[in-house]
Structure formats: structure tokens, C-alpha cells
C-alpha atoms as a PDB file:
ATOM      1  CA  ASP A   1     -57.306 -23.518 -61.054  1.00  0.00           C
ATOM      2  CA  LEU A   2     -59.478 -24.783 -58.216  1.00  0.00           C
ATOM      3  CA  CYS A   3     -58.880 -25.961 -54.662  1.00  0.00           C
ATOM      4  CA  GLY A   4     -62.156 -27.381 -53.405  1.00  0.00           C
ATOM      5  CA  HIS A   5     -60.927 -28.226 -49.913  1.00  0.00           C
ATOM      6  CA  ALA A   6     -59.658 -24.699 -49.291  1.00  0.00           C
ATOM      7  CA  THR A   7     -62.843 -23.193 -50.723  1.00  0.00           C
ATOM      8  CA  LEU A   8     -65.036 -25.294 -48.428  1.00  0.00           C
ATOM      9  CA  ALA A   9     -62.775 -24.589 -45.449  1.00  0.00           C
ATOM     10  CA  SER A  10     -62.982 -20.850 -46.112  1.00  0.00           C
ATOM     11  CA  ALA A  11     -66.770 -21.009 -46.357  1.00  0.00           C
ATOM     12  CA  HIS A  12     -66.869 -23.029 -43.119  1.00  0.00           C
ATOM     13  CA  VAL A  13     -64.874 -20.346 -41.281  1.00  0.00           C
ATOM     14  CA  LEU A  14     -67.116 -17.600 -42.635  1.00  0.00           C
ATOM     15  CA  VAL A  15     -70.349 -19.411 -41.720  1.00  0.00           C
ATOM     16  CA  ARG A  16     -69.393 -21.175 -38.514  1.00  0.00           C
ATOM     17  CA  HIS A  17     -66.933 -18.750 -36.914  1.00  0.00           C
ATOM     18  CA  LEU A  18     -67.390 -15.288 -38.449  1.00  0.00           C
ATOM     19  CA  GLY A  19     -71.203 -15.056 -38.527  1.00  0.00           C
ATOM     20  CA  TRP A  20     -71.896 -15.149 -42.282  1.00  0.00           C
ATOM     21  CA  ASP A  21     -75.687 -15.469 -42.265  1.00  0.00           C
ATOM     22  CA  ARG A  22     -76.528 -15.561 -45.965  1.00  0.00           C
ATOM     23  CA  PRO A  23     -77.304 -18.916 -47.606  1.00  0.00           C
ATOM     24  CA  LEU A  24     -74.598 -18.509 -50.286  1.00  0.00           C
ATOM     25  CA  VAL A  25     -70.910 -17.563 -50.214  1.00  0.00           C
ATOM     26  CA  ARG A  26     -69.257 -16.679 -53.526  1.00  0.00           C
ATOM     27  CA  PHE A  27     -65.536 -16.820 -54.173  1.00  0.00           C
ATOM     28  CA  ALA A  28     -63.671 -15.415 -57.177  1.00  0.00           C
ATOM     29  CA  SER A  29     -61.181 -17.956 -58.543  1.00  0.00           C
ATOM     30  CA  ARG A  30     -59.233 -18.719 -61.703  1.00  0.00           C
ATOM     31  CA  SER A  31     -62.064 -21.174 -62.479  1.00  0.00           C
ATOM     32  CA  GLY A  32     -64.612 -18.369 -62.262  1.00  0.00           C
ATOM     33  CA  VAL A  33     -67.063 -17.639 -59.460  1.00  0.00           C
ATOM     34  CA  LEU A  34     -67.474 -20.579 -57.079  1.00  0.00           C
ATOM     35  CA  GLY A  35     -70.605 -20.770 -54.967  1.00  0.00           C
ATOM     36  CA  VAL A  36     -70.789 -22.524 -51.611  1.00  0.00           C
ATOM     37  CA  GLU A  37     -74.334 -22.933 -50.380  1.00  0.00           C
ATOM     38  CA  ARG A  38     -75.462 -23.668 -46.855  1.00  0.00           C
ATOM     39  CA  GLU A  39     -77.688 -26.710 -47.309  1.00  0.00           C
ATOM     40  CA  SER A  40     -78.943 -26.845 -43.735  1.00  0.00           C
ATOM     41  CA  PRO A  41     -79.489 -24.505 -40.773  1.00  0.00           C
ATOM     42  CA  LYS A  42     -76.503 -22.488 -39.586  1.00  0.00           C
ATOM     43  CA  ASP A  43     -75.945 -24.616 -36.482  1.00  0.00           C
ATOM     44  CA  ASP A  44     -75.386 -27.713 -38.669  1.00  0.00           C
ATOM     45  CA  ALA A  45     -73.499 -25.730 -41.354  1.00  0.00           C
ATOM     46  CA  ARG A  46     -73.552 -28.428 -44.044  1.00  0.00           C
ATOM     47  CA  LEU A  47     -71.966 -26.764 -47.061  1.00  0.00           C
ATOM     48  CA  VAL A  48     -72.173 -27.698 -50.729  1.00  0.00           C
ATOM     49  CA  LEU A  49     -69.656 -26.485 -53.322  1.00  0.00           C
ATOM     50  CA  ASP A  50     -70.960 -26.051 -56.858  1.00  0.00           C
ATOM     51  CA  PHE A  51     -68.043 -27.117 -59.055  1.00  0.00           C
ATOM     52  CA  PRO A  52     -67.730 -25.562 -62.525  1.00  0.00           C
ATOM     53  CA  ALA A  53     -68.542 -27.839 -65.444  1.00  0.00           C
ATOM     54  CA  ARG A  54     -66.173 -28.454 -68.316  1.00  0.00           C
ATOM     55  CA  PRO A  55     -68.290 -30.294 -70.872  1.00  0.00           C
ATOM     56  CA  GLY A  56     -66.269 -32.257 -73.382  1.00  0.00           C
ATOM     57  CA  THR A  57     -66.774 -32.369 -77.114  1.00  0.00           C
ATOM     58  CA  PRO A  58     -66.515 -35.646 -79.031  1.00  0.00           C
ATOM     59  CA  VAL A  59     -63.131 -36.340 -80.656  1.00  0.00           C
ATOM     60  CA  THR A  60     -63.467 -37.508 -84.257  1.00  0.00           C
ATOM     61  CA  ASP A  61     -59.795 -37.604 -85.253  1.00  0.00           C
ATOM     62  CA  GLY A  62     -59.305 -41.310 -86.021  1.00  0.00           C
ATOM     63  CA  ALA A  63     -55.504 -41.140 -85.846  1.00  0.00           C
ATOM     64  CA  PHE A  64     -55.664 -39.592 -82.366  1.00  0.00           C
ATOM     65  CA  ILE A  65     -58.167 -42.209 -81.179  1.00  0.00           C
ATOM     66  CA  ASP A  66     -56.008 -45.015 -82.616  1.00  0.00           C
ATOM     67  CA  ALA A  67     -52.908 -43.674 -80.830  1.00  0.00           C
ATOM     68  CA  LEU A  68     -54.865 -43.286 -77.589  1.00  0.00           C
ATOM     69  CA  ALA A  69     -56.186 -46.857 -77.857  1.00  0.00           C
ATOM     70  CA  ARG A  70     -52.638 -48.165 -78.354  1.00  0.00           C
ATOM     71  CA  ALA A  71     -51.404 -46.185 -75.347  1.00  0.00           C
ATOM     72  CA  LEU A  72     -54.279 -47.352 -73.143  1.00  0.00           C
ATOM     73  CA  GLY A  73     -54.221 -50.945 -74.348  1.00  0.00           C
ATOM     74  CA  ALA A  74     -57.932 -50.929 -75.235  1.00  0.00           C
ATOM     75  CA  ARG A  75     -60.198 -48.998 -77.583  1.00  0.00           C
ATOM     76  CA  PRO A  76     -62.515 -46.519 -75.857  1.00  0.00           C
ATOM     77  CA  ARG A  77     -66.176 -46.415 -76.807  1.00  0.00           C
ATOM     78  CA  GLU A  78     -65.959 -42.617 -76.934  1.00  0.00           C
ATOM     79  CA  VAL A  79     -63.314 -39.921 -76.505  1.00  0.00           C
ATOM     80  CA  LEU A  80     -64.166 -36.424 -75.268  1.00  0.00           C
ATOM     81  CA  GLN A  81     -61.937 -33.343 -75.173  1.00  0.00           C
ATOM     82  CA  ALA A  82     -62.265 -30.401 -72.789  1.00  0.00           C
ATOM     83  CA  ARG A  83     -59.304 -29.139 -70.776  1.00  0.00           C
ATOM     84  CA  ASP A  84     -58.327 -32.821 -70.481  1.00  0.00           C
ATOM     85  CA  THR A  85     -59.014 -35.881 -72.619  1.00  0.00           C
ATOM     86  CA  LEU A  86     -61.605 -38.347 -71.344  1.00  0.00           C
ATOM     87  CA  ALA A  87     -61.695 -41.920 -72.659  1.00  0.00           C
ATOM     88  CA  VAL A  88     -65.050 -43.646 -72.040  1.00  0.00           C
ATOM     89  CA  PHE A  89     -65.150 -47.443 -71.868  1.00  0.00           C
ATOM     90  CA  GLU A  90     -68.044 -49.876 -71.581  1.00  0.00           C
END
């Protein structure tokens, strides 16, 4: 869905080699619109990629959490679900 290295490399070519003079480059991707911002003057060309957020929602299914704890060998403090499952430990 997202290839950060290729996105930054493409922005670098646009800014450094092809004369893109705006402070922001936007790319359409399967993850949505990705913005690469020039953080410093053009001659330095430090670029920052704004990654899309995928906030998780708390998992409350006790059976799922129990099975996950068995698989991981320890019980997580919290489990969140977005595209992927995130187990949070102390």
C-alpha cells in the first residue's frame, strides 16, 4: 500500500534534479494522498514524508486476547486492532 523509500526518492528527484520549487509534493497512492514537504531550503533539500495514520481501536474480545496471550507467551496490557493487530506490553 505504501513504499516510503520510493516516495521520498521520487520527491528528491523532483526537488533536487527537476526544479520543483513548491514546498510540498503530493503523490496519489493506494494509501491515499501522501505529502512530502521540503523542511529546509532547496539547496539542502531535506524532505519529510507525512505517513498516513491507522489508529487502532481497543479489542475487547476476551477469547481473542486469551489466544493471543498464549501465542505470544505473555499477556498484553492492551490489544488494538486496525489493519493489523497491535499488542501493547508494559
